[in-house]
Amino acid sequence: MAGHTPPTEADQARIIERPDGFYWQDKITDEVFGPFPTLLDAMQDMEYNDESDYEPGETLE
């Protein structure tokens, strides 16, 4: 189908804010991860891929 983009991690998960922090939930498995102190921390964890060679803090330079 032309113009169709594959789902991203953000499409397959949602962020939940609770009094004790931020959580993210996998929409496919309903598994919940957290708490994280900030929204950014929750998003970074959600987007983390074990198969990636990228390390947090690593740059392309």
Protein backbone atom coordinates (compact mmCIF):
# COMPACT_ATOMS: atom_id res chain seq x y z
CA MET A 1 0.00 0.00 0.00
CA ALA A 2 1.51 3.30 -1.04
CA GLY A 3 2.05 5.85 1.70
CA HIS A 4 1.77 3.30 4.50
CA THR A 5 4.50 3.46 7.12
CA PRO A 6 5.34 0.55 9.39
CA PRO A 7 4.45 0.94 13.07
CA THR A 8 7.13 2.33 15.35
CA GLU A 9 7.82 1.51 18.99
CA ALA A 10 5.75 4.55 19.95
CA ASP A 11 2.78 3.12 18.02
CA GLN A 12 3.09 -0.18 19.89
CA ALA A 13 3.40 1.30 23.38
CA ARG A 14 1.96 4.00 25.56
CA ILE A 15 3.34 6.16 28.35
CA ILE A 16 1.51 6.30 31.67
CA GLU A 17 2.17 8.92 34.36
CA ARG A 18 1.51 7.87 37.96
CA PRO A 19 2.36 9.54 41.27
CA ASP A 20 5.47 7.36 41.64
CA GLY A 21 6.84 8.01 38.14
CA PHE A 22 6.41 7.26 34.46
CA TYR A 23 5.68 3.83 33.03
CA TRP A 24 5.39 2.51 29.53
CA GLN A 25 3.09 -0.29 28.45
CA ASP A 26 3.55 -2.57 25.47
CA LYS A 27 0.22 -2.54 23.62
CA ILE A 28 0.83 -6.02 22.19
CA THR A 29 1.74 -7.89 25.39
CA ASP A 30 0.20 -5.46 27.94
CA GLU A 31 3.48 -5.70 29.89
CA VAL A 32 4.22 -2.58 31.96
CA PHE A 33 7.74 -1.24 32.57
CA GLY A 34 8.78 1.30 35.17
CA PRO A 35 8.68 3.40 37.19
CA PHE A 36 11.04 5.90 35.60
CA PRO A 37 11.81 9.28 37.20
CA THR A 38 11.20 11.25 33.99
CA LEU A 39 9.19 10.96 30.80
CA LEU A 40 12.45 11.01 28.85
CA ASP A 41 13.79 8.03 30.81
CA ALA A 42 10.62 6.05 30.09
CA MET A 43 10.77 6.92 26.39
CA GLN A 44 14.45 5.99 26.13
CA ASP A 45 13.80 2.65 27.81
CA MET A 46 10.84 2.02 25.51
CA GLU A 47 12.98 2.69 22.44
CA TYR A 48 15.99 0.68 23.65
CA ASN A 49 16.78 -2.34 21.50
CA ASP A 50 18.93 -5.16 22.93
CA GLU A 51 20.10 -6.05 19.43
CA SER A 52 21.52 -2.59 18.77
CA ASP A 53 25.26 -1.91 18.93
CA TYR A 54 24.46 1.59 20.16
CA GLU A 55 25.40 2.38 23.74
CA PRO A 56 23.75 5.20 25.71
CA GLY A 57 25.90 8.32 25.50
CA GLU A 58 27.66 7.09 22.36
CA THR A 59 27.99 9.51 19.45
CA LEU A 60 28.67 9.03 15.77
CA GLU A 61 31.89 11.05 15.91
